[in-house]
């Protein structure tokens, strides 16, 4: 009985950690790609359009990854 509670707690911690890492990594990668493209294409722009656009892509990719993690966790929940 205690083993099942402990296992569920570890699974919840694992999910929360994966969600945080997925969101942070996606946004940072999108921001960095946009920043590098701004410097490479626009050569030190006044308004960093590509940084803004790729940051939004990173946010969207992060949410997509989070939804996939949650769906995967929900699908695996009934198989124990």
PDB file of N, CA and C in Angstrom:
ATOM      1  N   UNK A   1       0.813  -1.194   0.000  1.00  0.00           N
ATOM      2  CA  UNK A   1       0.000   0.000   0.000  1.00  0.00           C
ATOM      3  C   UNK A   1       0.859   1.260   0.000  1.00  0.00           C
ATOM      4  N   UNK A   2       1.860   1.303   0.872  1.00  0.00           N
ATOM      5  CA  UNK A   2       2.733   2.476   0.935  1.00  0.00           C
ATOM      6  C   UNK A   2       3.577   2.595  -0.327  1.00  0.00           C
ATOM      7  N   UNK A   3       3.892   1.445  -0.932  1.00  0.00           N
ATOM      8  CA  UNK A   3       4.683   1.466  -2.158  1.00  0.00           C
ATOM      9  C   UNK A   3       3.941   2.122  -3.300  1.00  0.00           C
ATOM     10  N   UNK A   4       2.631   1.895  -3.370  1.00  0.00           N
ATOM     11  CA  UNK A   4       1.851   2.507  -4.443  1.00  0.00           C
ATOM     12  C   UNK A   4       1.754   4.015  -4.264  1.00  0.00           C
ATOM     13  N   UNK A   5       1.584   4.488  -3.030  1.00  0.00           N
ATOM     14  CA  UNK A   5       1.540   5.936  -2.792  1.00  0.00           C
ATOM     15  C   UNK A   5       2.874   6.561  -3.140  1.00  0.00           C
ATOM     16  N   UNK A   6       3.938   5.894  -2.745  1.00  0.00           N
ATOM     17  CA  UNK A   6       5.267   6.418  -3.035  1.00  0.00           C
ATOM     18  C   UNK A   6       5.537   6.450  -4.532  1.00  0.00           C
ATOM     19  N   UNK A   7       5.132   5.395  -5.231  1.00  0.00           N
ATOM     20  CA  UNK A   7       5.338   5.350  -6.680  1.00  0.00           C
ATOM     21  C   UNK A   7       4.537   6.440  -7.374  1.00  0.00           C
ATOM     22  N   UNK A   8       3.306   6.686  -6.911  1.00  0.00           N
ATOM     23  CA  UNK A   8       2.493   7.740  -7.504  1.00  0.00           C
ATOM     24  C   UNK A   8       3.091   9.110  -7.278  1.00  0.00           C
ATOM     25  N   UNK A   9       3.684   9.309  -6.107  1.00  0.00           N
ATOM     26  CA  UNK A   9       4.335  10.587  -5.822  1.00  0.00           C
ATOM     27  C   UNK A   9       5.534  10.822  -6.715  1.00  0.00           C
ATOM     28  N   UNK A  10       6.302   9.754  -6.938  1.00  0.00           N
ATOM     29  CA  UNK A  10       7.467   9.880  -7.814  1.00  0.00           C
ATOM     30  C   UNK A  10       7.048  10.139  -9.254  1.00  0.00           C
ATOM     31  N   UNK A  11       5.946   9.517  -9.686  1.00  0.00           N
ATOM     32  CA  UNK A  11       5.461   9.752 -11.054  1.00  0.00           C
ATOM     33  C   UNK A  11       4.994  11.196 -11.218  1.00  0.00           C
ATOM     34  N   UNK A  12       4.328  11.728 -10.192  1.00  0.00           N
ATOM     35  CA  UNK A  12       3.878  13.121 -10.256  1.00  0.00           C
ATOM     36  C   UNK A  12       5.077  14.073 -10.284  1.00  0.00           C
ATOM     37  N   UNK A  13       6.082  13.774  -9.475  1.00  0.00           N
ATOM     38  CA  UNK A  13       7.293  14.600  -9.476  1.00  0.00           C
ATOM     39  C   UNK A  13       8.002  14.524 -10.822  1.00  0.00           C
ATOM     40  N   UNK A  14       8.036  13.335 -11.398  1.00  0.00           N
ATOM     41  CA  UNK A  14       8.647  13.144 -12.716  1.00  0.00           C
ATOM     42  C   UNK A  14       7.904  13.957 -13.770  1.00  0.00           C
ATOM     43  N   UNK A  15       6.576  13.917 -13.740  1.00  0.00           N
ATOM     44  CA  UNK A  15       5.785  14.669 -14.710  1.00  0.00           C
ATOM     45  C   UNK A  15       6.006  16.174 -14.551  1.00  0.00           C
ATOM     46  N   UNK A  16       5.990  16.655 -13.308  1.00  0.00           N
ATOM     47  CA  UNK A  16       6.189  18.085 -13.066  1.00  0.00           C
ATOM     48  C   UNK A  16       7.573  18.534 -13.531  1.00  0.00           C
ATOM     49  N   UNK A  17       8.576  17.723 -13.280  1.00  0.00           N
ATOM     50  CA  UNK A  17       9.933  18.055 -13.712  1.00  0.00           C
ATOM     51  C   UNK A  17      10.033  18.071 -15.233  1.00  0.00           C
ATOM     52  N   UNK A  18       9.444  17.078 -15.883  1.00  0.00           N
ATOM     53  CA  UNK A  18       9.473  17.030 -17.346  1.00  0.00           C
ATOM     54  C   UNK A  18       8.743  18.217 -17.968  1.00  0.00           C
ATOM     55  N   UNK A  19       7.637  18.626 -17.365  1.00  0.00           N
ATOM     56  CA  UNK A  19       6.903  19.782 -17.879  1.00  0.00           C
ATOM     57  C   UNK A  19       7.764  21.036 -17.778  1.00  0.00           C
ATOM     58  N   UNK A  20       8.395  21.244 -16.638  1.00  0.00           N
ATOM     59  CA  UNK A  20       9.236  22.424 -16.459  1.00  0.00           C
ATOM     60  C   UNK A  20      10.415  22.456 -17.414  1.00  0.00           C
ATOM     61  N   UNK A  21      11.085  21.329 -17.556  1.00  0.00           N
ATOM     62  CA  UNK A  21      12.244  21.266 -18.449  1.00  0.00           C
ATOM     63  C   UNK A  21      11.811  21.457 -19.898  1.00  0.00           C
ATOM     64  N   UNK A  22      10.696  20.847 -20.288  1.00  0.00           N
ATOM     65  CA  UNK A  22      10.209  20.974 -21.665  1.00  0.00           C
ATOM     66  C   UNK A  22       9.885  22.421 -22.006  1.00  0.00           C
ATOM     67  N   UNK A  23       9.169  23.106 -21.109  1.00  0.00           N
ATOM     68  CA  UNK A  23       8.811  24.500 -21.378  1.00  0.00           C
ATOM     69  C   UNK A  23      10.046  25.395 -21.429  1.00  0.00           C
ATOM     70  N   UNK A  24      10.914  25.241 -20.447  1.00  0.00           N
ATOM     71  CA  UNK A  24      12.100  26.106 -20.400  1.00  0.00           C
ATOM     72  C   UNK A  24      13.007  25.873 -21.604  1.00  0.00           C
ATOM     73  N   UNK A  25      13.250  24.625 -21.939  1.00  0.00           N
ATOM     74  CA  UNK A  25      14.144  24.328 -23.064  1.00  0.00           C
ATOM     75  C   UNK A  25      13.553  24.821 -24.382  1.00  0.00           C
ATOM     76  N   UNK A  26      12.263  24.623 -24.586  1.00  0.00           N
ATOM     77  CA  UNK A  26      11.632  25.055 -25.839  1.00  0.00           C
ATOM     78  C   UNK A  26      11.710  26.563 -26.021  1.00  0.00           C
ATOM     79  N   UNK A  27      11.404  27.299 -24.969  1.00  0.00           N
ATOM     80  CA  UNK A  27      11.432  28.765 -25.068  1.00  0.00           C
ATOM     81  C   UNK A  27      12.866  29.257 -25.260  1.00  0.00           C
ATOM     82  N   UNK A  28      13.801  28.693 -24.525  1.00  0.00           N
ATOM     83  CA  UNK A  28      15.199  29.125 -24.666  1.00  0.00           C
ATOM     84  C   UNK A  28      15.768  28.804 -26.037  1.00  0.00           C
ATOM     85  N   UNK A  29      15.445  27.641 -26.568  1.00  0.00           N
ATOM     86  CA  UNK A  29      15.934  27.285 -27.906  1.00  0.00           C
ATOM     87  C   UNK A  29      15.329  28.208 -28.955  1.00  0.00           C
ATOM     88  N   UNK A  30      14.026  28.486 -28.860  1.00  0.00           N
ATOM     89  CA  UNK A  30      13.390  29.403 -29.803  1.00  0.00           C
ATOM     90  C   UNK A  30      13.985  30.803 -29.718  1.00  0.00           C
ATOM     91  N   UNK A  31      14.189  31.285 -28.491  1.00  0.00           N
ATOM     92  CA  UNK A  31      14.775  32.610 -28.306  1.00  0.00           C
ATOM     93  C   UNK A  31      16.184  32.669 -28.891  1.00  0.00           C
ATOM     94  N   UNK A  32      16.991  31.662 -28.603  1.00  0.00           N
ATOM     95  CA  UNK A  32      18.377  31.659 -29.079  1.00  0.00           C
ATOM     96  C   UNK A  32      18.442  31.584 -30.604  1.00  0.00           C
ATOM     97  N   UNK A  33      17.587  30.758 -31.206  1.00  0.00           N
ATOM     98  CA  UNK A  33      17.578  30.674 -32.670  1.00  0.00           C
ATOM     99  C   UNK A  33      17.198  32.020 -33.285  1.00  0.00           C
ATOM    100  N   UNK A  34      16.171  32.656 -32.749  1.00  0.00           N
ATOM    101  CA  UNK A  34      15.755  33.961 -33.264  1.00  0.00           C
ATOM    102  C   UNK A  34      16.830  35.016 -33.077  1.00  0.00           C
ATOM    103  N   UNK A  35      17.488  34.992 -31.916  1.00  0.00           N
ATOM    104  CA  UNK A  35      18.555  35.962 -31.648  1.00  0.00           C
ATOM    105  C   UNK A  35      19.716  35.786 -32.640  1.00  0.00           C
ATOM    106  N   UNK A  36      20.113  34.540 -32.860  1.00  0.00           N
ATOM    107  CA  UNK A  36      21.205  34.273 -33.816  1.00  0.00           C
ATOM    108  C   UNK A  36      20.810  34.670 -35.235  1.00  0.00           C
ATOM    109  N   UNK A  37      19.582  34.388 -35.624  1.00  0.00           N
ATOM    110  CA  UNK A  37      19.136  34.775 -36.965  1.00  0.00           C
ATOM    111  C   UNK A  37      19.051  36.297 -37.107  1.00  0.00           C
ATOM    112  N   UNK A  38      18.639  36.981 -36.063  1.00  0.00           N
ATOM    113  CA  UNK A  38      18.621  38.443 -36.107  1.00  0.00           C
ATOM    114  C   UNK A  38      20.030  38.989 -36.337  1.00  0.00           C
ATOM    115  N   UNK A  39      20.982  38.461 -35.622  1.00  0.00           N
ATOM    116  CA  UNK A  39      22.364  38.945 -35.778  1.00  0.00           C
ATOM    117  C   UNK A  39      22.928  38.569 -37.151  1.00  0.00           C
ATOM    118  N   UNK A  40      22.573  37.365 -37.638  1.00  0.00           N
ATOM    119  CA  UNK A  40      23.147  36.879 -38.899  1.00  0.00           C
ATOM    120  C   UNK A  40      22.491  37.548 -40.104  1.00  0.00           C
ATOM    121  N   UNK A  41      21.174  37.691 -40.099  1.00  0.00           N
ATOM    122  CA  UNK A  41      20.465  38.231 -41.260  1.00  0.00           C
ATOM    123  C   UNK A  41      20.351  39.751 -41.195  1.00  0.00           C
ATOM    124  N   UNK A  42      19.948  40.286 -40.044  1.00  0.00           N
ATOM    125  CA  UNK A  42      19.663  41.716 -39.943  1.00  0.00           C
ATOM    126  C   UNK A  42      20.838  42.534 -39.404  1.00  0.00           C
ATOM    127  N   UNK A  43      21.910  41.873 -38.957  1.00  0.00           N
ATOM    128  CA  UNK A  43      23.121  42.543 -38.477  1.00  0.00           C
ATOM    129  C   UNK A  43      22.825  43.615 -37.425  1.00  0.00           C
ATOM    130  N   UNK A  44      22.525  43.175 -36.208  1.00  0.00           N
ATOM    131  CA  UNK A  44      22.247  44.038 -35.054  1.00  0.00           C
ATOM    132  C   UNK A  44      21.042  44.950 -35.323  1.00  0.00           C
ATOM    133  N   UNK A  45      19.854  44.358 -35.320  1.00  0.00           N
ATOM    134  CA  UNK A  45      18.653  45.143 -35.644  1.00  0.00           C
ATOM    135  C   UNK A  45      18.202  46.025 -34.482  1.00  0.00           C
ATOM    136  N   UNK A  46      17.449  47.056 -34.817  1.00  0.00           N
ATOM    137  CA  UNK A  46      16.857  47.922 -33.795  1.00  0.00           C
ATOM    138  C   UNK A  46      15.687  47.216 -33.101  1.00  0.00           C
ATOM    139  N   UNK A  47      14.877  46.518 -33.892  1.00  0.00           N
ATOM    140  CA  UNK A  47      13.751  45.742 -33.354  1.00  0.00           C
ATOM    141  C   UNK A  47      14.009  44.271 -33.693  1.00  0.00           C
ATOM    142  N   UNK A  48      14.195  43.423 -32.705  1.00  0.00           N
ATOM    143  CA  UNK A  48      14.532  42.010 -32.965  1.00  0.00           C
ATOM    144  C   UNK A  48      13.301  41.179 -33.336  1.00  0.00           C
ATOM    145  N   UNK A  49      12.838  41.314 -34.567  1.00  0.00           N
ATOM    146  CA  UNK A  49      11.631  40.626 -34.991  1.00  0.00           C
ATOM    147  C   UNK A  49      11.778  39.113 -34.958  1.00  0.00           C
ATOM    148  N   UNK A  50      12.882  38.615 -35.454  1.00  0.00           N
ATOM    149  CA  UNK A  50      13.046  37.164 -35.499  1.00  0.00           C
ATOM    150  C   UNK A  50      13.151  36.567 -34.097  1.00  0.00           C
ATOM    151  N   UNK A  51      13.750  37.299 -33.173  1.00  0.00           N
ATOM    152  CA  UNK A  51      13.798  36.828 -31.791  1.00  0.00           C
ATOM    153  C   UNK A  51      12.391  36.711 -31.230  1.00  0.00           C
ATOM    154  N   UNK A  52      11.569  37.693 -31.479  1.00  0.00           N
ATOM    155  CA  UNK A  52      10.194  37.670 -31.004  1.00  0.00           C
ATOM    156  C   UNK A  52       9.407  36.521 -31.640  1.00  0.00           C
ATOM    157  N   UNK A  53       9.517  36.363 -32.946  1.00  0.00           N
ATOM    158  CA  UNK A  53       8.770  35.329 -33.663  1.00  0.00           C
ATOM    159  C   UNK A  53       9.202  33.935 -33.215  1.00  0.00           C
ATOM    160  N   UNK A  54      10.510  33.702 -33.126  1.00  0.00           N
ATOM    161  CA  UNK A  54      10.986  32.381 -32.743  1.00  0.00           C
ATOM    162  C   UNK A  54      10.738  32.092 -31.264  1.00  0.00           C
ATOM    163  N   UNK A  55      10.662  33.122 -30.433  1.00  0.00           N
ATOM    164  CA  UNK A  55      10.273  32.912 -29.036  1.00  0.00           C
ATOM    165  C   UNK A  55       8.825  32.417 -28.966  1.00  0.00           C
ATOM    166  N   UNK A  56       7.963  32.984 -29.802  1.00  0.00           N
ATOM    167  CA  UNK A  56       6.576  32.508 -29.856  1.00  0.00           C
ATOM    168  C   UNK A  56       6.504  31.071 -30.365  1.00  0.00           C
ATOM    169  N   UNK A  57       7.335  30.745 -31.358  1.00  0.00           N
ATOM    170  CA  UNK A  57       7.400  29.349 -31.824  1.00  0.00           C
ATOM    171  C   UNK A  57       7.859  28.426 -30.698  1.00  0.00           C
ATOM    172  N   UNK A  58       8.821  28.877 -29.907  1.00  0.00           N
ATOM    173  CA  UNK A  58       9.305  28.085 -28.785  1.00  0.00           C
ATOM    174  C   UNK A  58       8.227  27.872 -27.735  1.00  0.00           C
ATOM    175  N   UNK A  59       7.448  28.911 -27.458  1.00  0.00           N
ATOM    176  CA  UNK A  59       6.339  28.783 -26.504  1.00  0.00           C
ATOM    177  C   UNK A  59       5.314  27.781 -27.028  1.00  0.00           C
ATOM    178  N   UNK A  60       4.974  27.885 -28.307  1.00  0.00           N
ATOM    179  CA  UNK A  60       4.017  26.944 -28.904  1.00  0.00           C
ATOM    180  C   UNK A  60       4.554  25.517 -28.856  1.00  0.00           C
ATOM    181  N   UNK A  61       5.829  25.338 -29.167  1.00  0.00           N
ATOM    182  CA  UNK A  61       6.424  24.002 -29.109  1.00  0.00           C
ATOM    183  C   UNK A  61       6.443  23.468 -27.683  1.00  0.00           C
ATOM    184  N   UNK A  62       6.667  24.346 -26.722  1.00  0.00           N
ATOM    185  CA  UNK A  62       6.654  23.929 -25.321  1.00  0.00           C
ATOM    186  C   UNK A  62       5.275  23.448 -24.895  1.00  0.00           C
ATOM    187  N   UNK A  63       4.230  24.178 -25.254  1.00  0.00           N
ATOM    188  CA  UNK A  63       2.879  23.754 -24.906  1.00  0.00           C
ATOM    189  C   UNK A  63       2.520  22.442 -25.601  1.00  0.00           C
ATOM    190  N   UNK A  64       2.953  22.302 -26.843  1.00  0.00           N
ATOM    191  CA  UNK A  64       2.696  21.044 -27.556  1.00  0.00           C
ATOM    192  C   UNK A  64       3.374  19.887 -26.839  1.00  0.00           C
ATOM    193  N   UNK A  65       4.606  20.088 -26.419  1.00  0.00           N
ATOM    194  CA  UNK A  65       5.326  19.047 -25.693  1.00  0.00           C
ATOM    195  C   UNK A  65       4.680  18.713 -24.363  1.00  0.00           C
ATOM    196  N   UNK A  66       4.187  19.741 -23.666  1.00  0.00           N
ATOM    197  CA  UNK A  66       3.512  19.515 -22.380  1.00  0.00           C
ATOM    198  C   UNK A  66       2.230  18.715 -22.590  1.00  0.00           C
ATOM    199  N   UNK A  67       1.444  19.060 -23.592  1.00  0.00           N
ATOM    200  CA  UNK A  67       0.220  18.311 -23.858  1.00  0.00           C
ATOM    201  C   UNK A  67       0.524  16.860 -24.217  1.00  0.00           C
ATOM    202  N   UNK A  68       1.596  16.639 -24.974  1.00  0.00           N
ATOM    203  CA  UNK A  68       1.978  15.264 -25.310  1.00  0.00           C
ATOM    204  C   UNK A  68       2.409  14.495 -24.071  1.00  0.00           C
ATOM    205  N   UNK A  69       3.155  15.136 -23.170  1.00  0.00           N
ATOM    206  CA  UNK A  69       3.563  14.474 -21.928  1.00  0.00           C
ATOM    207  C   UNK A  69       2.350  14.103 -21.072  1.00  0.00           C
ATOM    208  N   UNK A  70       1.415  15.020 -20.961  1.00  0.00           N
ATOM    209  CA  UNK A  70       0.225  14.761 -20.149  1.00  0.00           C
ATOM    210  C   UNK A  70      -0.607  13.641 -20.763  1.00  0.00           C
ATOM    211  N   UNK A  71      -0.812  13.672 -22.075  1.00  0.00           N
ATOM    212  CA  UNK A  71      -1.577  12.609 -22.729  1.00  0.00           C
ATOM    213  C   UNK A  71      -0.888  11.261 -22.585  1.00  0.00           C
ATOM    214  N   UNK A  72       0.419  11.240 -22.706  1.00  0.00           N
ATOM    215  CA  UNK A  72       1.167  10.000 -22.548  1.00  0.00           C
ATOM    216  C   UNK A  72       1.034   9.470 -21.121  1.00  0.00           C
ATOM    217  N   UNK A  73       1.083  10.357 -20.152  1.00  0.00           N
ATOM    218  CA  UNK A  73       0.942   9.954 -18.748  1.00  0.00           C
ATOM    219  C   UNK A  73      -0.468   9.422 -18.485  1.00  0.00           C
ATOM    220  N   UNK A  74      -1.469  10.079 -19.031  1.00  0.00           N
ATOM    221  CA  UNK A  74      -2.839   9.616 -18.833  1.00  0.00           C
ATOM    222  C   UNK A  74      -3.074   8.269 -19.498  1.00  0.00           C
ATOM    223  N   UNK A  75      -2.489   8.062 -20.677  1.00  0.00           N
ATOM    224  CA  UNK A  75      -2.628   6.779 -21.371  1.00  0.00           C
ATOM    225  C   UNK A  75      -1.937   5.656 -20.610  1.00  0.00           C
ATOM    226  N   UNK A  76      -0.780   5.934 -20.016  1.00  0.00           N
ATOM    227  CA  UNK A  76      -0.040   4.923 -19.279  1.00  0.00           C
ATOM    228  C   UNK A  76      -0.622   4.657 -17.893  1.00  0.00           C
ATOM    229  N   UNK A  77      -1.464   5.536 -17.387  1.00  0.00           N
ATOM    230  CA  UNK A  77      -2.018   5.411 -16.049  1.00  0.00           C
ATOM    231  C   UNK A  77      -2.893   4.192 -15.860  1.00  0.00           C
ATOM    232  N   UNK A  78      -3.598   3.765 -16.878  1.00  0.00           N
ATOM    233  CA  UNK A  78      -4.496   2.618 -16.746  1.00  0.00           C
ATOM    234  C   UNK A  78      -3.805   1.278 -16.905  1.00  0.00           C
ATOM    235  N   UNK A  79      -2.520   1.259 -17.252  1.00  0.00           N
ATOM    236  CA  UNK A  79      -1.817   0.016 -17.531  1.00  0.00           C
ATOM    237  C   UNK A  79      -1.078  -0.552 -16.345  1.00  0.00           C
ATOM    238  N   UNK A  80      -1.229   0.039 -15.167  1.00  0.00           N
ATOM    239  CA  UNK A  80      -0.479  -0.430 -14.000  1.00  0.00           C
ATOM    240  C   UNK A  80      -1.152  -1.582 -13.321  1.00  0.00           C
TER     241      UNK A  80
END
